[in-house]
Amino acid sequence: VWDVHHRASDTLAEYLRLADEGGGAKLQSLVTKAQANGDSKTLAWWKNRLTTDRAMLPHWDFQHHKRPEKSGYMDLPRDVVVALVGAGLLWGGQYRTGKDIMHFDLRNGPIRKR
């Protein structure tokens, strides 16, 4: 599950960096490819979407991630998650509904030493 979150975090950062290009070649290429697959959104639409999303960053849950376009949202090391889950804690990244990747809790039995 950590790998899924890490890839999503990297993808978010890559998406947000597209706004730094000001509609550069990479964004144009992605829009052209999407349009070839039937997407009707234009380059102007995507530029506006990126601008809006970047403007909304302070209102999202990024208090401790000042530059999500650089590093995404996932800064919890894999070995920490593996160790704590292995010790018997439930990781918030594994919740069935809303995820809370910085949260660990004990639901069953004692913590196991490894």
N, C-alpha and C. Protein backbone atom coordinates (compact mmCIF):
# COMPACT_ATOMS: atom_id res chain seq x y z
N VAL A 1 0.83 -1.19 0.00
CA VAL A 1 0.00 0.00 0.00
C VAL A 1 0.88 1.26 0.00
N TRP A 2 2.03 1.20 0.71
CA TRP A 2 2.93 2.34 0.73
C TRP A 2 3.34 2.70 -0.70
N ASP A 3 3.63 1.69 -1.51
CA ASP A 3 4.07 1.93 -2.89
C ASP A 3 2.99 2.66 -3.69
N VAL A 4 1.74 2.30 -3.48
CA VAL A 4 0.63 2.96 -4.18
C VAL A 4 0.57 4.44 -3.78
N HIS A 5 0.67 4.72 -2.49
CA HIS A 5 0.65 6.11 -2.03
C HIS A 5 1.86 6.89 -2.54
N HIS A 6 3.00 6.25 -2.55
CA HIS A 6 4.21 6.93 -3.00
C HIS A 6 4.11 7.30 -4.48
N ARG A 7 3.60 6.36 -5.30
CA ARG A 7 3.40 6.66 -6.72
C ARG A 7 2.39 7.79 -6.91
N ALA A 8 1.32 7.77 -6.13
CA ALA A 8 0.32 8.84 -6.22
C ALA A 8 0.92 10.18 -5.83
N SER A 9 1.76 10.19 -4.81
CA SER A 9 2.43 11.41 -4.38
C SER A 9 3.35 11.95 -5.46
N ASP A 10 4.12 11.07 -6.07
CA ASP A 10 5.00 11.47 -7.17
C ASP A 10 4.20 12.01 -8.35
N THR A 11 3.07 11.38 -8.63
CA THR A 11 2.22 11.81 -9.74
C THR A 11 1.62 13.18 -9.46
N LEU A 12 1.19 13.41 -8.23
CA LEU A 12 0.68 14.73 -7.86
C LEU A 12 1.75 15.79 -8.07
N ALA A 13 2.96 15.53 -7.60
CA ALA A 13 4.05 16.49 -7.76
C ALA A 13 4.31 16.76 -9.24
N GLU A 14 4.33 15.71 -10.05
CA GLU A 14 4.57 15.89 -11.49
C GLU A 14 3.46 16.73 -12.12
N TYR A 15 2.21 16.45 -11.75
CA TYR A 15 1.08 17.23 -12.27
C TYR A 15 1.21 18.70 -11.89
N LEU A 16 1.51 18.97 -10.63
CA LEU A 16 1.61 20.35 -10.18
C LEU A 16 2.77 21.09 -10.84
N ARG A 17 3.84 20.38 -11.16
CA ARG A 17 4.98 21.01 -11.84
C ARG A 17 4.65 21.43 -13.27
N LEU A 18 3.63 20.83 -13.86
CA LEU A 18 3.24 21.23 -15.21
C LEU A 18 2.89 22.72 -15.26
N ALA A 19 2.39 23.26 -14.17
CA ALA A 19 2.04 24.68 -14.11
C ALA A 19 3.30 25.54 -14.18
N ASP A 20 4.43 25.03 -13.71
CA ASP A 20 5.67 25.80 -13.74
C ASP A 20 6.18 25.99 -15.16
N GLU A 21 5.77 25.11 -16.06
CA GLU A 21 6.22 25.19 -17.45
C GLU A 21 5.47 26.26 -18.24
N GLY A 22 4.37 26.76 -17.67
CA GLY A 22 3.59 27.77 -18.38
C GLY A 22 3.00 27.27 -19.68
N GLY A 23 2.60 26.01 -19.71
CA GLY A 23 2.02 25.46 -20.94
C GLY A 23 3.07 24.97 -21.90
N GLY A 24 4.16 24.51 -21.35
CA GLY A 24 5.29 24.05 -22.15
C GLY A 24 4.99 22.82 -22.98
N ALA A 25 6.06 22.30 -23.55
CA ALA A 25 5.96 21.18 -24.49
C ALA A 25 5.36 19.94 -23.85
N LYS A 26 5.70 19.67 -22.58
CA LYS A 26 5.18 18.46 -21.94
C LYS A 26 3.67 18.51 -21.79
N LEU A 27 3.16 19.66 -21.32
CA LEU A 27 1.72 19.81 -21.17
C LEU A 27 1.04 19.72 -22.52
N GLN A 28 1.57 20.40 -23.51
CA GLN A 28 1.00 20.36 -24.86
C GLN A 28 0.96 18.92 -25.38
N SER A 29 2.02 18.17 -25.14
CA SER A 29 2.07 16.77 -25.59
C SER A 29 1.00 15.93 -24.89
N LEU A 30 0.86 16.13 -23.59
CA LEU A 30 -0.16 15.38 -22.84
C LEU A 30 -1.57 15.71 -23.31
N VAL A 31 -1.83 16.99 -23.57
CA VAL A 31 -3.15 17.41 -24.05
C VAL A 31 -3.42 16.83 -25.44
N THR A 32 -2.43 16.89 -26.29
CA THR A 32 -2.58 16.34 -27.64
C THR A 32 -2.89 14.85 -27.59
N LYS A 33 -2.18 14.14 -26.73
CA LYS A 33 -2.41 12.69 -26.59
C LYS A 33 -3.82 12.41 -26.06
N ALA A 34 -4.23 13.17 -25.05
CA ALA A 34 -5.57 12.99 -24.49
C ALA A 34 -6.64 13.29 -25.54
N GLN A 35 -6.45 14.34 -26.32
CA GLN A 35 -7.41 14.68 -27.38
C GLN A 35 -7.47 13.58 -28.44
N ALA A 36 -6.34 12.97 -28.74
CA ALA A 36 -6.32 11.87 -29.71
C ALA A 36 -7.11 10.67 -29.20
N ASN A 37 -7.24 10.60 -27.87
CA ASN A 37 -8.01 9.50 -27.25
C ASN A 37 -9.44 9.92 -26.93
N GLY A 38 -9.88 11.08 -27.47
CA GLY A 38 -11.27 11.48 -27.33
C GLY A 38 -11.55 12.55 -26.29
N ASP A 39 -10.55 13.01 -25.57
CA ASP A 39 -10.77 14.06 -24.57
C ASP A 39 -10.98 15.39 -25.27
N SER A 40 -11.99 16.13 -24.88
CA SER A 40 -12.30 17.39 -25.56
C SER A 40 -11.69 18.62 -24.88
N LYS A 41 -10.99 18.43 -23.76
CA LYS A 41 -10.41 19.56 -23.05
C LYS A 41 -9.22 20.14 -23.82
N THR A 42 -9.17 21.46 -23.86
CA THR A 42 -8.14 22.15 -24.62
C THR A 42 -6.93 22.46 -23.73
N LEU A 43 -5.86 22.92 -24.38
CA LEU A 43 -4.68 23.35 -23.64
C LEU A 43 -5.04 24.50 -22.71
N ALA A 44 -5.86 25.42 -23.15
CA ALA A 44 -6.29 26.55 -22.31
C ALA A 44 -7.05 26.05 -21.08
N TRP A 45 -7.89 25.03 -21.27
CA TRP A 45 -8.65 24.47 -20.15
C TRP A 45 -7.69 23.89 -19.11
N TRP A 46 -6.69 23.13 -19.58
CA TRP A 46 -5.73 22.51 -18.66
C TRP A 46 -4.86 23.55 -17.97
N LYS A 47 -4.48 24.60 -18.67
CA LYS A 47 -3.71 25.67 -18.03
C LYS A 47 -4.53 26.31 -16.90
N ASN A 48 -5.80 26.54 -17.16
CA ASN A 48 -6.68 27.10 -16.13
C ASN A 48 -6.84 26.14 -14.96
N ARG A 49 -7.00 24.86 -15.26
CA ARG A 49 -7.16 23.85 -14.22
C ARG A 49 -5.92 23.80 -13.33
N LEU A 50 -4.76 23.81 -13.94
CA LEU A 50 -3.49 23.79 -13.19
C LEU A 50 -3.36 25.04 -12.32
N THR A 51 -3.68 26.18 -12.88
CA THR A 51 -3.60 27.43 -12.12
C THR A 51 -4.54 27.38 -10.92
N THR A 52 -5.75 26.91 -11.13
CA THR A 52 -6.73 26.78 -10.04
C THR A 52 -6.24 25.80 -8.97
N ASP A 53 -5.74 24.65 -9.40
CA ASP A 53 -5.26 23.65 -8.43
C ASP A 53 -4.09 24.18 -7.62
N ARG A 54 -3.17 24.85 -8.27
CA ARG A 54 -2.01 25.41 -7.54
C ARG A 54 -2.48 26.48 -6.54
N ALA A 55 -3.46 27.28 -6.92
CA ALA A 55 -3.98 28.31 -6.03
C ALA A 55 -4.69 27.69 -4.82
N MET A 56 -5.22 26.49 -4.98
CA MET A 56 -5.95 25.82 -3.89
C MET A 56 -5.03 25.10 -2.91
N LEU A 57 -3.76 24.93 -3.24
CA LEU A 57 -2.84 24.17 -2.38
C LEU A 57 -2.87 24.62 -0.91
N PRO A 58 -2.85 25.91 -0.61
CA PRO A 58 -2.87 26.30 0.80
C PRO A 58 -4.13 25.86 1.55
N HIS A 59 -5.18 25.55 0.81
CA HIS A 59 -6.45 25.15 1.43
C HIS A 59 -6.58 23.64 1.55
N TRP A 60 -5.68 22.90 0.93
CA TRP A 60 -5.67 21.45 1.05
C TRP A 60 -4.85 21.08 2.28
N ASP A 61 -4.66 19.82 2.51
CA ASP A 61 -3.98 19.34 3.71
C ASP A 61 -2.46 19.29 3.48
N PHE A 62 -1.86 20.47 3.24
CA PHE A 62 -0.44 20.54 2.96
C PHE A 62 0.31 21.43 3.95
N GLN A 63 -0.15 21.49 5.20
CA GLN A 63 0.50 22.36 6.18
C GLN A 63 1.98 22.02 6.35
N HIS A 64 2.32 20.76 6.26
CA HIS A 64 3.70 20.33 6.46
C HIS A 64 4.40 20.00 5.15
N HIS A 65 3.75 20.31 4.05
CA HIS A 65 4.32 20.07 2.72
C HIS A 65 4.24 21.38 1.96
N LYS A 66 5.20 22.23 2.23
CA LYS A 66 5.17 23.58 1.68
C LYS A 66 5.36 23.62 0.17
N ARG A 67 5.98 22.61 -0.40
CA ARG A 67 6.24 22.59 -1.85
C ARG A 67 5.81 21.25 -2.44
N PRO A 68 4.51 20.93 -2.44
CA PRO A 68 4.07 19.62 -2.95
C PRO A 68 4.40 19.41 -4.42
N GLU A 69 4.64 20.49 -5.17
CA GLU A 69 5.03 20.32 -6.57
C GLU A 69 6.45 19.77 -6.67
N LYS A 70 7.20 19.84 -5.59
CA LYS A 70 8.57 19.30 -5.57
C LYS A 70 8.59 17.87 -5.03
N SER A 71 7.84 17.64 -3.96
CA SER A 71 7.96 16.34 -3.28
C SER A 71 6.65 15.61 -3.08
N GLY A 72 5.55 16.12 -3.59
CA GLY A 72 4.27 15.45 -3.39
C GLY A 72 3.82 15.58 -1.95
N TYR A 73 3.14 14.58 -1.47
CA TYR A 73 2.63 14.61 -0.09
C TYR A 73 3.19 13.48 0.76
N MET A 74 3.88 12.52 0.16
CA MET A 74 4.31 11.32 0.87
C MET A 74 5.77 11.43 1.27
N ASP A 75 6.01 11.74 2.54
CA ASP A 75 7.39 11.80 3.00
C ASP A 75 7.66 10.82 4.13
N LEU A 76 6.73 9.93 4.35
CA LEU A 76 6.88 8.89 5.37
C LEU A 76 7.69 7.74 4.78
N PRO A 77 8.86 7.45 5.34
CA PRO A 77 9.71 6.40 4.76
C PRO A 77 9.06 5.01 4.79
N ARG A 78 9.28 4.26 3.74
CA ARG A 78 8.71 2.93 3.61
C ARG A 78 9.12 2.03 4.78
N ASP A 79 10.40 2.09 5.17
CA ASP A 79 10.86 1.20 6.24
C ASP A 79 10.17 1.49 7.57
N VAL A 80 9.77 2.73 7.81
CA VAL A 80 9.04 3.08 9.03
C VAL A 80 7.65 2.44 9.00
N VAL A 81 6.97 2.56 7.87
CA VAL A 81 5.64 1.98 7.75
C VAL A 81 5.71 0.46 7.89
N VAL A 82 6.64 -0.16 7.20
CA VAL A 82 6.78 -1.63 7.26
C VAL A 82 7.06 -2.08 8.70
N ALA A 83 7.95 -1.38 9.39
CA ALA A 83 8.29 -1.77 10.77
C ALA A 83 7.10 -1.62 11.71
N LEU A 84 6.39 -0.52 11.62
CA LEU A 84 5.27 -0.30 12.53
C LEU A 84 4.10 -1.24 12.24
N VAL A 85 3.81 -1.48 10.97
CA VAL A 85 2.76 -2.44 10.62
C VAL A 85 3.18 -3.84 11.05
N GLY A 86 4.45 -4.17 10.86
CA GLY A 86 4.98 -5.47 11.29
C GLY A 86 4.91 -5.67 12.79
N ALA A 87 4.94 -4.56 13.53
CA ALA A 87 4.85 -4.63 14.99
C ALA A 87 3.40 -4.73 15.48
N GLY A 88 2.44 -4.66 14.54
CA GLY A 88 1.05 -4.85 14.92
C GLY A 88 0.17 -3.61 14.85
N LEU A 89 0.72 -2.50 14.39
CA LEU A 89 -0.08 -1.29 14.27
C LEU A 89 -0.80 -1.26 12.92
N LEU A 90 -1.94 -0.60 12.90
CA LEU A 90 -2.66 -0.39 11.65
C LEU A 90 -2.24 0.98 11.12
N TRP A 91 -1.86 1.02 9.85
CA TRP A 91 -1.44 2.27 9.24
C TRP A 91 -2.64 2.95 8.58
N GLY A 92 -2.77 4.25 8.80
CA GLY A 92 -3.87 5.02 8.22
C GLY A 92 -3.92 5.00 6.71
N GLY A 93 -2.82 4.71 6.06
CA GLY A 93 -2.80 4.57 4.61
C GLY A 93 -3.53 3.32 4.14
N GLN A 94 -3.85 2.43 5.07
CA GLN A 94 -4.55 1.19 4.74
C GLN A 94 -6.04 1.26 5.07
N TYR A 95 -6.50 2.37 5.63
CA TYR A 95 -7.92 2.48 5.96
C TYR A 95 -8.77 2.22 4.73
N ARG A 96 -9.94 1.64 4.93
CA ARG A 96 -10.83 1.32 3.81
C ARG A 96 -11.45 2.58 3.19
N THR A 97 -11.66 3.59 3.99
CA THR A 97 -12.26 4.83 3.46
C THR A 97 -11.19 5.91 3.44
N GLY A 98 -11.45 7.07 4.02
CA GLY A 98 -10.50 8.17 4.00
C GLY A 98 -9.15 7.76 4.57
N LYS A 99 -8.11 8.08 3.84
CA LYS A 99 -6.75 7.71 4.24
C LYS A 99 -6.17 8.77 5.16
N ASP A 100 -5.32 8.34 6.09
CA ASP A 100 -4.63 9.23 7.01
C ASP A 100 -3.21 8.69 7.13
N ILE A 101 -2.37 9.05 6.16
CA ILE A 101 -1.08 8.39 6.03
C ILE A 101 -0.11 8.67 7.16
N MET A 102 -0.36 9.66 7.98
CA MET A 102 0.54 9.94 9.10
C MET A 102 0.05 9.30 10.40
N HIS A 103 -0.99 8.49 10.32
CA HIS A 103 -1.62 7.94 11.51
C HIS A 103 -1.36 6.43 11.63
N PHE A 104 -1.02 6.01 12.82
CA PHE A 104 -0.90 4.59 13.16
C PHE A 104 -1.72 4.37 14.42
N ASP A 105 -2.39 3.22 14.51
CA ASP A 105 -3.11 2.93 15.74
C ASP A 105 -3.07 1.44 16.04
N LEU A 106 -3.29 1.15 17.30
CA LEU A 106 -3.29 -0.23 17.77
C LEU A 106 -4.73 -0.64 18.00
N ARG A 107 -5.17 -1.65 17.29
CA ARG A 107 -6.56 -2.08 17.41
C ARG A 107 -6.71 -3.46 18.04
N ASN A 108 -5.69 -4.30 17.88
CA ASN A 108 -5.79 -5.67 18.39
C ASN A 108 -4.49 -6.08 19.07
N GLY A 109 -4.57 -6.39 20.35
CA GLY A 109 -3.42 -6.96 21.04
C GLY A 109 -2.27 -6.00 21.25
N PRO A 110 -1.18 -6.52 21.81
CA PRO A 110 -0.02 -5.69 22.12
C PRO A 110 0.87 -5.47 20.89
N ILE A 111 1.74 -4.51 21.00
CA ILE A 111 2.75 -4.28 19.97
C ILE A 111 3.77 -5.41 20.08
N ARG A 112 4.15 -5.98 18.93
CA ARG A 112 5.10 -7.08 18.90
C ARG A 112 6.51 -6.54 18.68
N LYS A 113 7.46 -7.08 19.38
CA LYS A 113 8.86 -6.73 19.14
C LYS A 113 9.36 -7.51 17.96
N ARG A 114 10.20 -6.89 17.17
CA ARG A 114 10.75 -7.56 15.99
C ARG A 114 12.19 -7.86 16.19
